[in-house]
């Protein structure tokens, strides 16, 4: 039986730009079968909307707290998300 679909809105704080965070998140999402998007924000954060089976979304959330090797994630704000996504995309900066 499939898990229910879960959608979360994430905002990653810390050293998350200029460290391949978005590309690494895209690769991790693809590996886990999670859809959605991520983008850099003008305040230095990375914002993402992630959607998929609950276990996969939780796995990506755990990854988001670490990020890629060069990242220094200080905090991840998590809220309920919305929308419907067919793949994972890196969006233009906000």
PDB file of N, CA and C in Angstrom:
ATOM      1  N   UNK A   1       0.837  -1.192   0.000  1.00  0.00           N
ATOM      2  CA  UNK A   1       0.000   0.000   0.000  1.00  0.00           C
ATOM      3  C   UNK A   1       0.878   1.251   0.000  1.00  0.00           C
ATOM      4  N   UNK A   2       0.529   2.200  -0.803  1.00  0.00           N
ATOM      5  CA  UNK A   2       1.308   3.444  -0.908  1.00  0.00           C
ATOM      6  C   UNK A   2       0.996   4.366   0.257  1.00  0.00           C
ATOM      7  N   UNK A   3       2.037   5.086   0.675  1.00  0.00           N
ATOM      8  CA  UNK A   3       1.828   6.135   1.681  1.00  0.00           C
ATOM      9  C   UNK A   3       0.976   7.235   1.070  1.00  0.00           C
ATOM     10  N   UNK A   4       0.362   8.024   1.927  1.00  0.00           N
ATOM     11  CA  UNK A   4      -0.373   9.174   1.429  1.00  0.00           C
ATOM     12  C   UNK A   4       0.612  10.225   0.922  1.00  0.00           C
ATOM     13  N   UNK A   5       0.154  11.062  -0.002  1.00  0.00           N
ATOM     14  CA  UNK A   5       1.005  12.111  -0.553  1.00  0.00           C
ATOM     15  C   UNK A   5       1.128  13.239   0.466  1.00  0.00           C
ATOM     16  N   UNK A   6       2.356  13.681   0.664  1.00  0.00           N
ATOM     17  CA  UNK A   6       2.648  14.757   1.614  1.00  0.00           C
ATOM     18  C   UNK A   6       3.316  15.891   0.847  1.00  0.00           C
ATOM     19  N   UNK A   7       2.926  17.127   1.151  1.00  0.00           N
ATOM     20  CA  UNK A   7       3.512  18.305   0.512  1.00  0.00           C
ATOM     21  C   UNK A   7       3.990  19.252   1.597  1.00  0.00           C
ATOM     22  N   UNK A   8       5.269  19.634   1.530  1.00  0.00           N
ATOM     23  CA  UNK A   8       5.852  20.550   2.503  1.00  0.00           C
ATOM     24  C   UNK A   8       6.514  21.733   1.811  1.00  0.00           C
ATOM     25  N   UNK A   9       6.435  22.890   2.452  1.00  0.00           N
ATOM     26  CA  UNK A   9       7.153  24.088   2.026  1.00  0.00           C
ATOM     27  C   UNK A   9       8.337  24.234   2.975  1.00  0.00           C
ATOM     28  N   UNK A  10       9.538  24.315   2.421  1.00  0.00           N
ATOM     29  CA  UNK A  10      10.766  24.388   3.219  1.00  0.00           C
ATOM     30  C   UNK A  10      11.522  25.674   2.912  1.00  0.00           C
ATOM     31  N   UNK A  11      12.148  26.236   3.944  1.00  0.00           N
ATOM     32  CA  UNK A  11      13.072  27.350   3.757  1.00  0.00           C
ATOM     33  C   UNK A  11      14.335  27.007   4.551  1.00  0.00           C
ATOM     34  N   UNK A  12      15.445  26.852   3.827  1.00  0.00           N
ATOM     35  CA  UNK A  12      16.715  26.513   4.436  1.00  0.00           C
ATOM     36  C   UNK A  12      17.537  27.769   4.680  1.00  0.00           C
ATOM     37  N   UNK A  13      18.041  27.901   5.901  1.00  0.00           N
ATOM     38  CA  UNK A  13      18.850  29.053   6.318  1.00  0.00           C
ATOM     39  C   UNK A  13      20.278  28.600   6.567  1.00  0.00           C
ATOM     40  N   UNK A  14      21.197  29.548   6.523  1.00  0.00           N
ATOM     41  CA  UNK A  14      22.611  29.265   6.769  1.00  0.00           C
ATOM     42  C   UNK A  14      23.412  29.478   5.502  1.00  0.00           C
ATOM     43  N   UNK A  15      24.493  28.745   5.371  1.00  0.00           N
ATOM     44  CA  UNK A  15      25.315  28.817   4.160  1.00  0.00           C
ATOM     45  C   UNK A  15      24.745  27.807   3.174  1.00  0.00           C
ATOM     46  N   UNK A  16      23.748  28.261   2.414  1.00  0.00           N
ATOM     47  CA  UNK A  16      23.037  27.356   1.507  1.00  0.00           C
ATOM     48  C   UNK A  16      23.053  27.826   0.054  1.00  0.00           C
ATOM     49  N   UNK A  17      23.625  28.980  -0.211  1.00  0.00           N
ATOM     50  CA  UNK A  17      23.786  29.439  -1.592  1.00  0.00           C
ATOM     51  C   UNK A  17      25.271  29.403  -1.944  1.00  0.00           C
ATOM     52  N   UNK A  18      25.550  29.082  -3.200  1.00  0.00           N
ATOM     53  CA  UNK A  18      26.930  29.004  -3.664  1.00  0.00           C
ATOM     54  C   UNK A  18      27.626  27.730  -3.229  1.00  0.00           C
ATOM     55  N   UNK A  19      26.852  26.730  -2.799  1.00  0.00           N
ATOM     56  CA  UNK A  19      27.434  25.464  -2.322  1.00  0.00           C
ATOM     57  C   UNK A  19      26.787  24.262  -3.022  1.00  0.00           C
ATOM     58  N   UNK A  20      26.139  24.497  -4.163  1.00  0.00           N
ATOM     59  CA  UNK A  20      25.474  23.452  -4.943  1.00  0.00           C
ATOM     60  C   UNK A  20      24.279  22.857  -4.205  1.00  0.00           C
ATOM     61  N   UNK A  21      23.637  23.650  -3.347  1.00  0.00           N
ATOM     62  CA  UNK A  21      22.495  23.145  -2.583  1.00  0.00           C
ATOM     63  C   UNK A  21      21.337  22.747  -3.501  1.00  0.00           C
ATOM     64  N   UNK A  22      20.950  23.647  -4.411  1.00  0.00           N
ATOM     65  CA  UNK A  22      19.788  23.357  -5.265  1.00  0.00           C
ATOM     66  C   UNK A  22      20.034  22.141  -6.149  1.00  0.00           C
ATOM     67  N   UNK A  23      21.180  22.063  -6.786  1.00  0.00           N
ATOM     68  CA  UNK A  23      21.499  20.922  -7.645  1.00  0.00           C
ATOM     69  C   UNK A  23      21.529  19.634  -6.833  1.00  0.00           C
ATOM     70  N   UNK A  24      22.113  19.689  -5.644  1.00  0.00           N
ATOM     71  CA  UNK A  24      22.167  18.503  -4.792  1.00  0.00           C
ATOM     72  C   UNK A  24      20.777  18.096  -4.331  1.00  0.00           C
ATOM     73  N   UNK A  25      19.914  19.071  -4.024  1.00  0.00           N
ATOM     74  CA  UNK A  25      18.542  18.751  -3.613  1.00  0.00           C
ATOM     75  C   UNK A  25      17.787  18.123  -4.776  1.00  0.00           C
ATOM     76  N   UNK A  26      17.987  18.640  -5.976  1.00  0.00           N
ATOM     77  CA  UNK A  26      17.346  18.061  -7.153  1.00  0.00           C
ATOM     78  C   UNK A  26      17.755  16.600  -7.311  1.00  0.00           C
ATOM     79  N   UNK A  27      19.048  16.314  -7.184  1.00  0.00           N
ATOM     80  CA  UNK A  27      19.532  14.930  -7.314  1.00  0.00           C
ATOM     81  C   UNK A  27      18.946  14.034  -6.230  1.00  0.00           C
ATOM     82  N   UNK A  28      18.891  14.527  -4.999  1.00  0.00           N
ATOM     83  CA  UNK A  28      18.342  13.749  -3.888  1.00  0.00           C
ATOM     84  C   UNK A  28      16.848  13.501  -4.096  1.00  0.00           C
ATOM     85  N   UNK A  29      16.128  14.523  -4.547  1.00  0.00           N
ATOM     86  CA  UNK A  29      14.697  14.376  -4.815  1.00  0.00           C
ATOM     87  C   UNK A  29      14.454  13.335  -5.910  1.00  0.00           C
ATOM     88  N   UNK A  30      15.248  13.389  -6.966  1.00  0.00           N
ATOM     89  CA  UNK A  30      15.121  12.419  -8.049  1.00  0.00           C
ATOM     90  C   UNK A  30      15.348  11.004  -7.519  1.00  0.00           C
ATOM     91  N   UNK A  31      16.358  10.838  -6.699  1.00  0.00           N
ATOM     92  CA  UNK A  31      16.683   9.530  -6.128  1.00  0.00           C
ATOM     93  C   UNK A  31      15.534   8.999  -5.266  1.00  0.00           C
ATOM     94  N   UNK A  32      14.879   9.891  -4.517  1.00  0.00           N
ATOM     95  CA  UNK A  32      13.806   9.497  -3.603  1.00  0.00           C
ATOM     96  C   UNK A  32      12.421   9.454  -4.257  1.00  0.00           C
ATOM     97  N   UNK A  33      12.314   9.962  -5.477  1.00  0.00           N
ATOM     98  CA  UNK A  33      11.012  10.006  -6.146  1.00  0.00           C
ATOM     99  C   UNK A  33      10.117  11.120  -5.632  1.00  0.00           C
ATOM    100  N   UNK A  34      10.740  12.222  -5.199  1.00  0.00           N
ATOM    101  CA  UNK A  34       9.998  13.379  -4.684  1.00  0.00           C
ATOM    102  C   UNK A  34       9.904  14.432  -5.785  1.00  0.00           C
ATOM    103  N   UNK A  35       8.736  15.034  -5.942  1.00  0.00           N
ATOM    104  CA  UNK A  35       8.505  16.093  -6.918  1.00  0.00           C
ATOM    105  C   UNK A  35       8.471  17.445  -6.220  1.00  0.00           C
ATOM    106  N   UNK A  36       8.492  18.516  -7.011  1.00  0.00           N
ATOM    107  CA  UNK A  36       8.404  19.867  -6.471  1.00  0.00           C
ATOM    108  C   UNK A  36       9.400  20.793  -7.130  1.00  0.00           C
ATOM    109  N   UNK A  37       9.951  21.706  -6.356  1.00  0.00           N
ATOM    110  CA  UNK A  37      10.904  22.681  -6.898  1.00  0.00           C
ATOM    111  C   UNK A  37      11.743  23.281  -5.768  1.00  0.00           C
ATOM    112  N   UNK A  38      12.841  23.944  -6.158  1.00  0.00           N
ATOM    113  CA  UNK A  38      13.637  24.726  -5.211  1.00  0.00           C
ATOM    114  C   UNK A  38      14.207  25.934  -5.940  1.00  0.00           C
ATOM    115  N   UNK A  39      14.548  26.969  -5.173  1.00  0.00           N
ATOM    116  CA  UNK A  39      15.115  28.187  -5.757  1.00  0.00           C
ATOM    117  C   UNK A  39      15.857  28.976  -4.684  1.00  0.00           C
ATOM    118  N   UNK A  40      16.803  29.789  -5.137  1.00  0.00           N
ATOM    119  CA  UNK A  40      17.486  30.727  -4.249  1.00  0.00           C
ATOM    120  C   UNK A  40      16.582  31.926  -4.004  1.00  0.00           C
ATOM    121  N   UNK A  41      16.648  32.487  -2.801  1.00  0.00           N
ATOM    122  CA  UNK A  41      15.900  33.695  -2.469  1.00  0.00           C
ATOM    123  C   UNK A  41      16.874  34.842  -2.213  1.00  0.00           C
ATOM    124  N   UNK A  42      16.407  36.058  -2.411  1.00  0.00           N
ATOM    125  CA  UNK A  42      17.273  37.234  -2.292  1.00  0.00           C
ATOM    126  C   UNK A  42      17.810  37.435  -0.883  1.00  0.00           C
ATOM    127  N   UNK A  43      17.186  36.828   0.130  1.00  0.00           N
ATOM    128  CA  UNK A  43      17.668  36.973   1.512  1.00  0.00           C
ATOM    129  C   UNK A  43      18.739  35.948   1.877  1.00  0.00           C
ATOM    130  N   UNK A  44      19.193  35.150   0.899  1.00  0.00           N
ATOM    131  CA  UNK A  44      20.260  34.180   1.140  1.00  0.00           C
ATOM    132  C   UNK A  44      19.773  32.791   1.506  1.00  0.00           C
ATOM    133  N   UNK A  45      18.462  32.605   1.580  1.00  0.00           N
ATOM    134  CA  UNK A  45      17.915  31.285   1.882  1.00  0.00           C
ATOM    135  C   UNK A  45      17.666  30.513   0.593  1.00  0.00           C
ATOM    136  N   UNK A  46      17.361  29.236   0.739  1.00  0.00           N
ATOM    137  CA  UNK A  46      16.873  28.415  -0.366  1.00  0.00           C
ATOM    138  C   UNK A  46      15.470  27.964   0.019  1.00  0.00           C
ATOM    139  N   UNK A  47      14.522  28.161  -0.893  1.00  0.00           N
ATOM    140  CA  UNK A  47      13.126  27.801  -0.675  1.00  0.00           C
ATOM    141  C   UNK A  47      12.798  26.583  -1.527  1.00  0.00           C
ATOM    142  N   UNK A  48      11.969  25.686  -0.987  1.00  0.00           N
ATOM    143  CA  UNK A  48      11.578  24.496  -1.747  1.00  0.00           C
ATOM    144  C   UNK A  48      10.157  24.095  -1.414  1.00  0.00           C
ATOM    145  N   UNK A  49       9.498  23.485  -2.393  1.00  0.00           N
ATOM    146  CA  UNK A  49       8.214  22.827  -2.201  1.00  0.00           C
ATOM    147  C   UNK A  49       8.478  21.374  -2.579  1.00  0.00           C
ATOM    148  N   UNK A  50       8.191  20.456  -1.674  1.00  0.00           N
ATOM    149  CA  UNK A  50       8.481  19.048  -1.922  1.00  0.00           C
ATOM    150  C   UNK A  50       7.210  18.229  -1.733  1.00  0.00           C
ATOM    151  N   UNK A  51       7.023  17.242  -2.628  1.00  0.00           N
ATOM    152  CA  UNK A  51       5.788  16.458  -2.615  1.00  0.00           C
ATOM    153  C   UNK A  51       6.078  15.022  -3.014  1.00  0.00           C
ATOM    154  N   UNK A  52       5.490  14.111  -2.265  1.00  0.00           N
ATOM    155  CA  UNK A  52       5.651  12.701  -2.587  1.00  0.00           C
ATOM    156  C   UNK A  52       5.105  11.845  -1.473  1.00  0.00           C
ATOM    157  N   UNK A  53       5.439  10.553  -1.522  1.00  0.00           N
ATOM    158  CA  UNK A  53       5.035   9.661  -0.450  1.00  0.00           C
ATOM    159  C   UNK A  53       5.654  10.169   0.843  1.00  0.00           C
ATOM    160  N   UNK A  54       4.914  10.054   1.936  1.00  0.00           N
ATOM    161  CA  UNK A  54       5.338  10.631   3.212  1.00  0.00           C
ATOM    162  C   UNK A  54       6.754  10.218   3.610  1.00  0.00           C
ATOM    163  N   UNK A  55       7.093   8.952   3.472  1.00  0.00           N
ATOM    164  CA  UNK A  55       8.420   8.478   3.874  1.00  0.00           C
ATOM    165  C   UNK A  55       9.521   9.135   3.036  1.00  0.00           C
ATOM    166  N   UNK A  56       9.264   9.301   1.744  1.00  0.00           N
ATOM    167  CA  UNK A  56      10.246   9.925   0.859  1.00  0.00           C
ATOM    168  C   UNK A  56      10.406  11.405   1.180  1.00  0.00           C
ATOM    169  N   UNK A  57       9.302  12.088   1.452  1.00  0.00           N
ATOM    170  CA  UNK A  57       9.357  13.511   1.811  1.00  0.00           C
ATOM    171  C   UNK A  57      10.110  13.683   3.128  1.00  0.00           C
ATOM    172  N   UNK A  58       9.862  12.811   4.092  1.00  0.00           N
ATOM    173  CA  UNK A  58      10.583  12.886   5.371  1.00  0.00           C
ATOM    174  C   UNK A  58      12.078  12.639   5.168  1.00  0.00           C
ATOM    175  N   UNK A  59      12.435  11.729   4.267  1.00  0.00           N
ATOM    176  CA  UNK A  59      13.844  11.468   3.969  1.00  0.00           C
ATOM    177  C   UNK A  59      14.494  12.698   3.343  1.00  0.00           C
ATOM    178  N   UNK A  60      13.779  13.370   2.438  1.00  0.00           N
ATOM    179  CA  UNK A  60      14.327  14.581   1.827  1.00  0.00           C
ATOM    180  C   UNK A  60      14.429  15.702   2.858  1.00  0.00           C
ATOM    181  N   UNK A  61      13.472  15.793   3.766  1.00  0.00           N
ATOM    182  CA  UNK A  61      13.541  16.784   4.838  1.00  0.00           C
ATOM    183  C   UNK A  61      14.763  16.537   5.717  1.00  0.00           C
ATOM    184  N   UNK A  62      15.034  15.297   6.049  1.00  0.00           N
ATOM    185  CA  UNK A  62      16.229  14.972   6.839  1.00  0.00           C
ATOM    186  C   UNK A  62      17.486  15.392   6.083  1.00  0.00           C
ATOM    187  N   UNK A  63      17.512  15.140   4.766  1.00  0.00           N
ATOM    188  CA  UNK A  63      18.655  15.559   3.951  1.00  0.00           C
ATOM    189  C   UNK A  63      18.781  17.084   3.963  1.00  0.00           C
ATOM    190  N   UNK A  64      17.643  17.794   3.879  1.00  0.00           N
ATOM    191  CA  UNK A  64      17.653  19.263   3.824  1.00  0.00           C
ATOM    192  C   UNK A  64      18.325  19.873   5.049  1.00  0.00           C
ATOM    193  N   UNK A  65      18.231  19.215   6.184  1.00  0.00           N
ATOM    194  CA  UNK A  65      18.888  19.711   7.399  1.00  0.00           C
ATOM    195  C   UNK A  65      20.409  19.603   7.309  1.00  0.00           C
ATOM    196  N   UNK A  66      20.918  18.714   6.455  1.00  0.00           N
ATOM    197  CA  UNK A  66      22.364  18.554   6.253  1.00  0.00           C
ATOM    198  C   UNK A  66      22.830  19.298   5.009  1.00  0.00           C
ATOM    199  N   UNK A  67      22.118  19.040   3.902  1.00  0.00           N
ATOM    200  CA  UNK A  67      22.499  19.616   2.621  1.00  0.00           C
ATOM    201  C   UNK A  67      23.751  18.973   2.068  1.00  0.00           C
ATOM    202  N   UNK A  68      24.296  19.549   1.000  1.00  0.00           N
ATOM    203  CA  UNK A  68      25.527  19.015   0.402  1.00  0.00           C
ATOM    204  C   UNK A  68      26.725  19.300   1.309  1.00  0.00           C
ATOM    205  N   UNK A  69      27.842  18.718   0.951  1.00  0.00           N
ATOM    206  CA  UNK A  69      29.044  18.774   1.792  1.00  0.00           C
ATOM    207  C   UNK A  69      29.469  20.181   2.209  1.00  0.00           C
ATOM    208  N   UNK A  70      29.403  21.149   1.309  1.00  0.00           N
ATOM    209  CA  UNK A  70      29.883  22.499   1.611  1.00  0.00           C
ATOM    210  C   UNK A  70      28.863  23.373   2.338  1.00  0.00           C
ATOM    211  N   UNK A  71      27.619  22.910   2.433  1.00  0.00           N
ATOM    212  CA  UNK A  71      26.569  23.699   3.089  1.00  0.00           C
ATOM    213  C   UNK A  71      26.739  23.677   4.607  1.00  0.00           C
ATOM    214  N   UNK A  72      26.251  24.731   5.229  1.00  0.00           N
ATOM    215  CA  UNK A  72      26.169  24.806   6.692  1.00  0.00           C
ATOM    216  C   UNK A  72      24.745  25.261   7.010  1.00  0.00           C
ATOM    217  N   UNK A  73      23.848  24.291   7.133  1.00  0.00           N
ATOM    218  CA  UNK A  73      22.436  24.583   7.362  1.00  0.00           C
ATOM    219  C   UNK A  73      22.231  24.890   8.840  1.00  0.00           C
ATOM    220  N   UNK A  74      21.746  26.097   9.121  1.00  0.00           N
ATOM    221  CA  UNK A  74      21.515  26.485  10.511  1.00  0.00           C
ATOM    222  C   UNK A  74      20.080  26.215  10.956  1.00  0.00           C
ATOM    223  N   UNK A  75      19.156  26.216   9.999  1.00  0.00           N
ATOM    224  CA  UNK A  75      17.744  26.031  10.350  1.00  0.00           C
ATOM    225  C   UNK A  75      16.948  25.702   9.087  1.00  0.00           C
ATOM    226  N   UNK A  76      15.906  24.895   9.253  1.00  0.00           N
ATOM    227  CA  UNK A  76      14.965  24.624   8.171  1.00  0.00           C
ATOM    228  C   UNK A  76      13.570  24.935   8.699  1.00  0.00           C
ATOM    229  N   UNK A  77      12.921  25.919   8.099  1.00  0.00           N
ATOM    230  CA  UNK A  77      11.526  26.233   8.437  1.00  0.00           C
ATOM    231  C   UNK A  77      10.644  25.297   7.621  1.00  0.00           C
ATOM    232  N   UNK A  78       9.700  24.651   8.278  1.00  0.00           N
ATOM    233  CA  UNK A  78       8.831  23.670   7.627  1.00  0.00           C
ATOM    234  C   UNK A  78       7.377  24.080   7.823  1.00  0.00           C
ATOM    235  N   UNK A  79       6.615  24.094   6.735  1.00  0.00           N
ATOM    236  CA  UNK A  79       5.183  24.382   6.787  1.00  0.00           C
ATOM    237  C   UNK A  79       4.466  23.460   5.809  1.00  0.00           C
ATOM    238  N   UNK A  80       3.167  23.321   5.979  1.00  0.00           N
ATOM    239  CA  UNK A  80       2.378  22.564   5.010  1.00  0.00           C
ATOM    240  C   UNK A  80       2.481  23.265   3.664  1.00  0.00           C
ATOM    241  N   UNK A  81       2.590  22.485   2.604  1.00  0.00           N
ATOM    242  CA  UNK A  81       2.674  23.046   1.267  1.00  0.00           C
ATOM    243  C   UNK A  81       1.430  22.734   0.464  1.00  0.00           C
ATOM    244  N   UNK A  82       1.393  23.238  -0.755  1.00  0.00           N
ATOM    245  CA  UNK A  82       0.252  22.971  -1.632  1.00  0.00           C
ATOM    246  C   UNK A  82       0.732  22.940  -3.070  1.00  0.00           C
ATOM    247  N   UNK A  83      -0.098  22.426  -3.933  1.00  0.00           N
ATOM    248  CA  UNK A  83       0.212  22.346  -5.346  1.00  0.00           C
ATOM    249  C   UNK A  83       0.278  20.903  -5.795  1.00  0.00           C
ATOM    250  N   UNK A  84       0.498  20.723  -7.077  1.00  0.00           N
ATOM    251  CA  UNK A  84       0.636  19.400  -7.668  1.00  0.00           C
ATOM    252  C   UNK A  84       1.819  19.459  -8.626  1.00  0.00           C
ATOM    253  N   UNK A  85       2.749  18.514  -8.496  1.00  0.00           N
ATOM    254  CA  UNK A  85       3.998  18.566  -9.246  1.00  0.00           C
ATOM    255  C   UNK A  85       4.261  17.219  -9.906  1.00  0.00           C
ATOM    256  N   UNK A  86       4.768  17.266 -11.140  1.00  0.00           N
ATOM    257  CA  UNK A  86       5.039  16.045 -11.894  1.00  0.00           C
ATOM    258  C   UNK A  86       6.511  15.680 -11.918  1.00  0.00           C
ATOM    259  N   UNK A  87       7.374  16.606 -11.508  1.00  0.00           N
ATOM    260  CA  UNK A  87       8.810  16.356 -11.468  1.00  0.00           C
ATOM    261  C   UNK A  87       9.430  17.297 -10.447  1.00  0.00           C
ATOM    262  N   UNK A  88      10.747  17.331 -10.377  1.00  0.00           N
ATOM    263  CA  UNK A  88      11.424  18.267  -9.478  1.00  0.00           C
ATOM    264  C   UNK A  88      12.228  19.221 -10.346  1.00  0.00           C
ATOM    265  N   UNK A  89      12.075  20.519 -10.094  1.00  0.00           N
ATOM    266  CA  UNK A  89      12.715  21.534 -10.928  1.00  0.00           C
ATOM    267  C   UNK A  89      13.484  22.533 -10.085  1.00  0.00           C
ATOM    268  N   UNK A  90      14.530  23.076 -10.669  1.00  0.00           N
ATOM    269  CA  UNK A  90      15.233  24.208 -10.066  1.00  0.00           C
ATOM    270  C   UNK A  90      14.655  25.454 -10.728  1.00  0.00           C
ATOM    271  N   UNK A  91      14.014  26.289  -9.930  1.00  0.00           N
ATOM    272  CA  UNK A  91      13.363  27.491 -10.455  1.00  0.00           C
ATOM    273  C   UNK A  91      14.304  28.686 -10.426  1.00  0.00           C
ATOM    274  N   UNK A  92      13.930  29.711 -11.178  1.00  0.00           N
ATOM    275  CA  UNK A  92      14.682  30.965 -11.177  1.00  0.00           C
ATOM    276  C   UNK A  92      14.670  31.567  -9.786  1.00  0.00           C
ATOM    277  N   UNK A  93      15.694  32.328  -9.483  1.00  0.00           N
ATOM    278  CA  UNK A  93      15.815  32.965  -8.163  1.00  0.00           C
ATOM    279  C   UNK A  93      14.620  33.865  -7.882  1.00  0.00           C
ATOM    280  N   UNK A  94      14.265  33.928  -6.619  1.00  0.00           N
ATOM    281  CA  UNK A  94      13.147  34.788  -6.187  1.00  0.00           C
ATOM    282  C   UNK A  94      13.686  36.108  -5.679  1.00  0.00           C
TER     283      UNK A  94
END
